[in-house]
Structure formats: structure tokens, C-alpha cells
């Protein structure tokens, strides 16, 4: 089995639709500049309220990617 080294970074995604969309947006954007993304971990979920209703979701993630050899 090959041994790998990973780097972990923290990112935040937001969406007016859902927590899932916020996660997908953050991972997609990170994938534009980071190679070898392998996993994510949700660290925090927040939201913004307007007139007593959810206006948008904000999700803080840790994403891990394998460093190139």
C-alpha cells in the first residue's frame, strides 16, 4: 500500500437554497484550484434570518487533498 501525505484547508460555502447546495458550491469552487480533493468534513452550519425566515445557509468545511509526489 502506498503512503500518502494530505493537506487540509478550511473553506466556507453559502446558498440561499440549502445546506447541501452550500456544501456542493464550496467543494466545486475549491476543485477549481485544488487538485486531488479526497474528502470533506462539515465543521459548522450557520444561517442568516430575514423577517423570521431563513435567508441563506453558510457551511464551514474542512477539505482534504493528497499532495502530489
PDB file of N, CA and C in Angstrom:
ATOM      1  N   UNK A   1       0.851  -1.189   0.000  1.00  0.00           N
ATOM      2  CA  UNK A   1       0.000   0.000   0.000  1.00  0.00           C
ATOM      3  C   UNK A   1       0.892   1.246   0.000  1.00  0.00           C
ATOM      4  N   UNK A   2       0.594   2.187  -0.862  1.00  0.00           N
ATOM      5  CA  UNK A   2       1.355   3.423  -0.953  1.00  0.00           C
ATOM      6  C   UNK A   2       0.964   4.358   0.181  1.00  0.00           C
ATOM      7  N   UNK A   3       1.939   5.031   0.741  1.00  0.00           N
ATOM      8  CA  UNK A   3       1.678   6.013   1.796  1.00  0.00           C
ATOM      9  C   UNK A   3       1.531   7.386   1.158  1.00  0.00           C
ATOM     10  N   UNK A   4       0.576   8.163   1.630  1.00  0.00           N
ATOM     11  CA  UNK A   4       0.298   9.480   1.073  1.00  0.00           C
ATOM     12  C   UNK A   4       0.403  10.536   2.162  1.00  0.00           C
ATOM     13  N   UNK A   5       0.562  11.779   1.747  1.00  0.00           N
ATOM     14  CA  UNK A   5       0.520  12.925   2.648  1.00  0.00           C
ATOM     15  C   UNK A   5      -0.613  13.814   2.169  1.00  0.00           C
ATOM     16  N   UNK A   6      -1.419  14.287   3.109  1.00  0.00           N
ATOM     17  CA  UNK A   6      -2.571  15.106   2.787  1.00  0.00           C
ATOM     18  C   UNK A   6      -2.438  16.491   3.404  1.00  0.00           C
ATOM     19  N   UNK A   7      -3.079  17.468   2.778  1.00  0.00           N
ATOM     20  CA  UNK A   7      -3.183  18.818   3.310  1.00  0.00           C
ATOM     21  C   UNK A   7      -4.656  19.068   3.565  1.00  0.00           C
ATOM     22  N   UNK A   8      -4.954  19.824   4.611  1.00  0.00           N
ATOM     23  CA  UNK A   8      -6.329  20.155   4.963  1.00  0.00           C
ATOM     24  C   UNK A   8      -6.472  21.670   4.974  1.00  0.00           C
ATOM     25  N   UNK A   9      -7.526  22.172   4.323  1.00  0.00           N
ATOM     26  CA  UNK A   9      -7.822  23.599   4.330  1.00  0.00           C
ATOM     27  C   UNK A   9      -9.273  23.802   4.743  1.00  0.00           C
ATOM     28  N   UNK A  10      -9.565  24.983   5.248  1.00  0.00           N
ATOM     29  CA  UNK A  10     -10.916  25.306   5.678  1.00  0.00           C
ATOM     30  C   UNK A  10     -11.533  26.281   4.679  1.00  0.00           C
ATOM     31  N   UNK A  11     -12.757  25.993   4.258  1.00  0.00           N
ATOM     32  CA  UNK A  11     -13.471  26.845   3.316  1.00  0.00           C
ATOM     33  C   UNK A  11     -14.902  27.047   3.818  1.00  0.00           C
ATOM     34  N   UNK A  12     -15.579  28.040   3.279  1.00  0.00           N
ATOM     35  CA  UNK A  12     -16.963  28.322   3.652  1.00  0.00           C
ATOM     36  C   UNK A  12     -17.787  28.480   2.384  1.00  0.00           C
ATOM     37  N   UNK A  13     -18.894  27.765   2.305  1.00  0.00           N
ATOM     38  CA  UNK A  13     -19.814  27.888   1.176  1.00  0.00           C
ATOM     39  C   UNK A  13     -21.144  28.439   1.658  1.00  0.00           C
ATOM     40  N   UNK A  14     -21.857  29.113   0.761  1.00  0.00           N
ATOM     41  CA  UNK A  14     -23.167  29.633   1.129  1.00  0.00           C
ATOM     42  C   UNK A  14     -24.173  29.382   0.022  1.00  0.00           C
ATOM     43  N   UNK A  15     -25.443  29.342   0.402  1.00  0.00           N
ATOM     44  CA  UNK A  15     -26.518  29.114  -0.547  1.00  0.00           C
ATOM     45  C   UNK A  15     -27.819  29.642   0.036  1.00  0.00           C
ATOM     46  N   UNK A  16     -28.656  30.163  -0.828  1.00  0.00           N
ATOM     47  CA  UNK A  16     -29.995  30.574  -0.407  1.00  0.00           C
ATOM     48  C   UNK A  16     -30.943  29.384  -0.373  1.00  0.00           C
ATOM     49  N   UNK A  17     -30.528  28.261  -1.008  1.00  0.00           N
ATOM     50  CA  UNK A  17     -31.411  27.101  -1.151  1.00  0.00           C
ATOM     51  C   UNK A  17     -31.331  26.096  -0.013  1.00  0.00           C
ATOM     52  N   UNK A  18     -30.086  25.640   0.318  1.00  0.00           N
ATOM     53  CA  UNK A  18     -29.969  24.558   1.297  1.00  0.00           C
ATOM     54  C   UNK A  18     -28.529  24.400   1.779  1.00  0.00           C
ATOM     55  N   UNK A  19     -28.382  23.647   2.848  1.00  0.00           N
ATOM     56  CA  UNK A  19     -27.056  23.292   3.358  1.00  0.00           C
ATOM     57  C   UNK A  19     -26.312  22.465   2.311  1.00  0.00           C
ATOM     58  N   UNK A  20     -27.016  21.533   1.683  1.00  0.00           N
ATOM     59  CA  UNK A  20     -26.394  20.694   0.661  1.00  0.00           C
ATOM     60  C   UNK A  20     -25.840  21.532  -0.483  1.00  0.00           C
ATOM     61  N   UNK A  21     -26.593  22.503  -0.948  1.00  0.00           N
ATOM     62  CA  UNK A  21     -26.129  23.367  -2.035  1.00  0.00           C
ATOM     63  C   UNK A  21     -24.916  24.181  -1.598  1.00  0.00           C
ATOM     64  N   UNK A  22     -24.892  24.622  -0.344  1.00  0.00           N
ATOM     65  CA  UNK A  22     -23.738  25.371   0.166  1.00  0.00           C
ATOM     66  C   UNK A  22     -22.491  24.491   0.159  1.00  0.00           C
ATOM     67  N   UNK A  23     -22.634  23.226   0.561  1.00  0.00           N
ATOM     68  CA  UNK A  23     -21.515  22.284   0.544  1.00  0.00           C
ATOM     69  C   UNK A  23     -21.052  22.050  -0.886  1.00  0.00           C
ATOM     70  N   UNK A  24     -22.000  21.766  -1.772  1.00  0.00           N
ATOM     71  CA  UNK A  24     -21.653  21.499  -3.168  1.00  0.00           C
ATOM     72  C   UNK A  24     -20.957  22.693  -3.819  1.00  0.00           C
ATOM     73  N   UNK A  25     -21.422  23.895  -3.534  1.00  0.00           N
ATOM     74  CA  UNK A  25     -20.811  25.106  -4.098  1.00  0.00           C
ATOM     75  C   UNK A  25     -19.375  25.257  -3.592  1.00  0.00           C
ATOM     76  N   UNK A  26     -19.166  25.046  -2.300  1.00  0.00           N
ATOM     77  CA  UNK A  26     -17.823  25.197  -1.722  1.00  0.00           C
ATOM     78  C   UNK A  26     -16.857  24.170  -2.301  1.00  0.00           C
ATOM     79  N   UNK A  27     -17.288  22.915  -2.376  1.00  0.00           N
ATOM     80  CA  UNK A  27     -16.412  21.851  -2.899  1.00  0.00           C
ATOM     81  C   UNK A  27     -16.119  22.081  -4.376  1.00  0.00           C
ATOM     82  N   UNK A  28     -17.120  22.483  -5.128  1.00  0.00           N
ATOM     83  CA  UNK A  28     -16.928  22.741  -6.553  1.00  0.00           C
ATOM     84  C   UNK A  28     -15.924  23.869  -6.778  1.00  0.00           C
ATOM     85  N   UNK A  29     -16.069  24.949  -6.030  1.00  0.00           N
ATOM     86  CA  UNK A  29     -15.154  26.087  -6.170  1.00  0.00           C
ATOM     87  C   UNK A  29     -13.739  25.702  -5.757  1.00  0.00           C
ATOM     88  N   UNK A  30     -13.602  24.959  -4.660  1.00  0.00           N
ATOM     89  CA  UNK A  30     -12.277  24.514  -4.216  1.00  0.00           C
ATOM     90  C   UNK A  30     -11.623  23.641  -5.283  1.00  0.00           C
ATOM     91  N   UNK A  31     -12.424  22.829  -5.969  1.00  0.00           N
ATOM     92  CA  UNK A  31     -11.916  21.952  -7.004  1.00  0.00           C
ATOM     93  C   UNK A  31     -11.366  22.680  -8.224  1.00  0.00           C
ATOM     94  N   UNK A  32     -11.685  23.962  -8.360  1.00  0.00           N
ATOM     95  CA  UNK A  32     -11.158  24.754  -9.470  1.00  0.00           C
ATOM     96  C   UNK A  32      -9.671  25.066  -9.292  1.00  0.00           C
ATOM     97  N   UNK A  33      -9.210  25.105  -8.043  1.00  0.00           N
ATOM     98  CA  UNK A  33      -7.806  25.459  -7.797  1.00  0.00           C
ATOM     99  C   UNK A  33      -7.027  24.404  -7.021  1.00  0.00           C
ATOM    100  N   UNK A  34      -7.716  23.458  -6.390  1.00  0.00           N
ATOM    101  CA  UNK A  34      -7.041  22.400  -5.635  1.00  0.00           C
ATOM    102  C   UNK A  34      -7.198  21.076  -6.369  1.00  0.00           C
ATOM    103  N   UNK A  35      -6.088  20.368  -6.526  1.00  0.00           N
ATOM    104  CA  UNK A  35      -6.129  19.056  -7.179  1.00  0.00           C
ATOM    105  C   UNK A  35      -6.181  17.954  -6.118  1.00  0.00           C
ATOM    106  N   UNK A  36      -6.663  16.809  -6.527  1.00  0.00           N
ATOM    107  CA  UNK A  36      -6.665  15.610  -5.683  1.00  0.00           C
ATOM    108  C   UNK A  36      -7.531  15.728  -4.436  1.00  0.00           C
ATOM    109  N   UNK A  37      -8.655  16.466  -4.530  1.00  0.00           N
ATOM    110  CA  UNK A  37      -9.575  16.530  -3.393  1.00  0.00           C
ATOM    111  C   UNK A  37     -10.071  15.124  -3.088  1.00  0.00           C
ATOM    112  N   UNK A  38     -10.085  14.784  -1.805  1.00  0.00           N
ATOM    113  CA  UNK A  38     -10.469  13.430  -1.442  1.00  0.00           C
ATOM    114  C   UNK A  38     -11.613  13.326  -0.455  1.00  0.00           C
ATOM    115  N   UNK A  39     -11.820  14.351   0.362  1.00  0.00           N
ATOM    116  CA  UNK A  39     -12.867  14.261   1.379  1.00  0.00           C
ATOM    117  C   UNK A  39     -13.195  15.650   1.920  1.00  0.00           C
ATOM    118  N   UNK A  40     -14.322  15.746   2.623  1.00  0.00           N
ATOM    119  CA  UNK A  40     -14.680  16.969   3.335  1.00  0.00           C
ATOM    120  C   UNK A  40     -15.310  16.605   4.666  1.00  0.00           C
ATOM    121  N   UNK A  41     -15.265  17.556   5.572  1.00  0.00           N
ATOM    122  CA  UNK A  41     -15.862  17.397   6.896  1.00  0.00           C
ATOM    123  C   UNK A  41     -16.589  18.695   7.231  1.00  0.00           C
ATOM    124  N   UNK A  42     -17.858  18.594   7.598  1.00  0.00           N
ATOM    125  CA  UNK A  42     -18.626  19.775   7.987  1.00  0.00           C
ATOM    126  C   UNK A  42     -18.242  20.160   9.410  1.00  0.00           C
ATOM    127  N   UNK A  43     -17.787  21.399   9.559  1.00  0.00           N
ATOM    128  CA  UNK A  43     -17.362  21.882  10.865  1.00  0.00           C
ATOM    129  C   UNK A  43     -18.450  22.723  11.555  1.00  0.00           C
ATOM    130  N   UNK A  44     -19.189  23.483  10.745  1.00  0.00           N
ATOM    131  CA  UNK A  44     -20.179  24.378  11.332  1.00  0.00           C
ATOM    132  C   UNK A  44     -21.244  24.718  10.296  1.00  0.00           C
ATOM    133  N   UNK A  45     -22.481  24.826  10.751  1.00  0.00           N
ATOM    134  CA  UNK A  45     -23.580  25.280   9.901  1.00  0.00           C
ATOM    135  C   UNK A  45     -24.190  26.510  10.558  1.00  0.00           C
ATOM    136  N   UNK A  46     -24.285  27.576   9.769  1.00  0.00           N
ATOM    137  CA  UNK A  46     -24.886  28.824  10.241  1.00  0.00           C
ATOM    138  C   UNK A  46     -25.926  29.265   9.219  1.00  0.00           C
ATOM    139  N   UNK A  47     -26.682  30.250   9.575  1.00  0.00           N
ATOM    140  CA  UNK A  47     -27.644  30.804   8.636  1.00  0.00           C
ATOM    141  C   UNK A  47     -27.949  32.245   8.952  1.00  0.00           C
ATOM    142  N   UNK A  48     -28.581  32.882   7.996  1.00  0.00           N
ATOM    143  CA  UNK A  48     -28.982  34.277   8.133  1.00  0.00           C
ATOM    144  C   UNK A  48     -30.503  34.326   8.062  1.00  0.00           C
ATOM    145  N   UNK A  49     -31.106  35.059   8.981  1.00  0.00           N
ATOM    146  CA  UNK A  49     -32.560  35.177   9.015  1.00  0.00           C
ATOM    147  C   UNK A  49     -32.994  36.564   8.567  1.00  0.00           C
ATOM    148  N   UNK A  50     -34.074  36.601   7.813  1.00  0.00           N
ATOM    149  CA  UNK A  50     -34.716  37.853   7.425  1.00  0.00           C
ATOM    150  C   UNK A  50     -36.210  37.686   7.626  1.00  0.00           C
ATOM    151  N   UNK A  51     -36.810  38.600   8.387  1.00  0.00           N
ATOM    152  CA  UNK A  51     -38.249  38.556   8.664  1.00  0.00           C
ATOM    153  C   UNK A  51     -38.686  37.203   9.241  1.00  0.00           C
ATOM    154  N   UNK A  52     -37.833  36.635  10.104  1.00  0.00           N
ATOM    155  CA  UNK A  52     -38.168  35.386  10.766  1.00  0.00           C
ATOM    156  C   UNK A  52     -38.040  34.142   9.912  1.00  0.00           C
ATOM    157  N   UNK A  53     -37.452  34.283   8.699  1.00  0.00           N
ATOM    158  CA  UNK A  53     -37.287  33.129   7.813  1.00  0.00           C
ATOM    159  C   UNK A  53     -35.829  32.994   7.407  1.00  0.00           C
ATOM    160  N   UNK A  54     -35.437  31.764   7.045  1.00  0.00           N
ATOM    161  CA  UNK A  54     -34.060  31.518   6.614  1.00  0.00           C
ATOM    162  C   UNK A  54     -33.834  32.211   5.277  1.00  0.00           C
ATOM    163  N   UNK A  55     -32.818  33.089   5.244  1.00  0.00           N
ATOM    164  CA  UNK A  55     -32.481  33.802   4.011  1.00  0.00           C
ATOM    165  C   UNK A  55     -31.352  33.091   3.267  1.00  0.00           C
ATOM    166  N   UNK A  56     -30.389  32.553   4.018  1.00  0.00           N
ATOM    167  CA  UNK A  56     -29.345  31.753   3.384  1.00  0.00           C
ATOM    168  C   UNK A  56     -28.625  30.906   4.426  1.00  0.00           C
ATOM    169  N   UNK A  57     -27.959  29.869   3.928  1.00  0.00           N
ATOM    170  CA  UNK A  57     -27.200  28.941   4.751  1.00  0.00           C
ATOM    171  C   UNK A  57     -25.717  29.177   4.505  1.00  0.00           C
ATOM    172  N   UNK A  58     -24.926  28.991   5.540  1.00  0.00           N
ATOM    173  CA  UNK A  58     -23.474  29.122   5.427  1.00  0.00           C
ATOM    174  C   UNK A  58     -22.850  27.918   6.137  1.00  0.00           C
ATOM    175  N   UNK A  59     -21.979  27.193   5.405  1.00  0.00           N
ATOM    176  CA  UNK A  59     -21.401  25.959   5.931  1.00  0.00           C
ATOM    177  C   UNK A  59     -19.876  26.058   5.885  1.00  0.00           C
ATOM    178  N   UNK A  60     -19.237  25.837   7.037  1.00  0.00           N
ATOM    179  CA  UNK A  60     -17.782  25.802   7.118  1.00  0.00           C
ATOM    180  C   UNK A  60     -17.339  24.353   6.987  1.00  0.00           C
ATOM    181  N   UNK A  61     -16.401  24.122   6.059  1.00  0.00           N
ATOM    182  CA  UNK A  61     -15.912  22.777   5.770  1.00  0.00           C
ATOM    183  C   UNK A  61     -14.402  22.714   5.905  1.00  0.00           C
ATOM    184  N   UNK A  62     -13.915  21.541   6.250  1.00  0.00           N
ATOM    185  CA  UNK A  62     -12.505  21.219   6.068  1.00  0.00           C
ATOM    186  C   UNK A  62     -12.467  20.279   4.869  1.00  0.00           C
ATOM    187  N   UNK A  63     -11.608  20.575   3.904  1.00  0.00           N
ATOM    188  CA  UNK A  63     -11.432  19.686   2.757  1.00  0.00           C
ATOM    189  C   UNK A  63      -9.997  19.184   2.760  1.00  0.00           C
ATOM    190  N   UNK A  64      -9.841  17.920   2.401  1.00  0.00           N
ATOM    191  CA  UNK A  64      -8.519  17.313   2.360  1.00  0.00           C
ATOM    192  C   UNK A  64      -8.152  16.929   0.946  1.00  0.00           C
ATOM    193  N   UNK A  65      -6.881  17.114   0.610  1.00  0.00           N
ATOM    194  CA  UNK A  65      -6.415  16.710  -0.698  1.00  0.00           C
ATOM    195  C   UNK A  65      -5.021  16.123  -0.584  1.00  0.00           C
ATOM    196  N   UNK A  66      -4.754  15.159  -1.453  1.00  0.00           N
ATOM    197  CA  UNK A  66      -3.477  14.445  -1.436  1.00  0.00           C
ATOM    198  C   UNK A  66      -2.411  15.325  -2.091  1.00  0.00           C
ATOM    199  N   UNK A  67      -1.277  15.468  -1.425  1.00  0.00           N
ATOM    200  CA  UNK A  67      -0.160  16.203  -2.005  1.00  0.00           C
ATOM    201  C   UNK A  67       0.481  15.344  -3.085  1.00  0.00           C
ATOM    202  N   UNK A  68       0.885  16.003  -4.158  1.00  0.00           N
ATOM    203  CA  UNK A  68       1.496  15.268  -5.271  1.00  0.00           C
ATOM    204  C   UNK A  68       2.880  14.807  -4.914  1.00  0.00           C
ATOM    205  N   UNK A  69       3.256  13.666  -5.448  1.00  0.00           N
ATOM    206  CA  UNK A  69       4.584  13.085  -5.190  1.00  0.00           C
ATOM    207  C   UNK A  69       5.660  13.893  -5.863  1.00  0.00           C
TER     208      UNK A  69
END
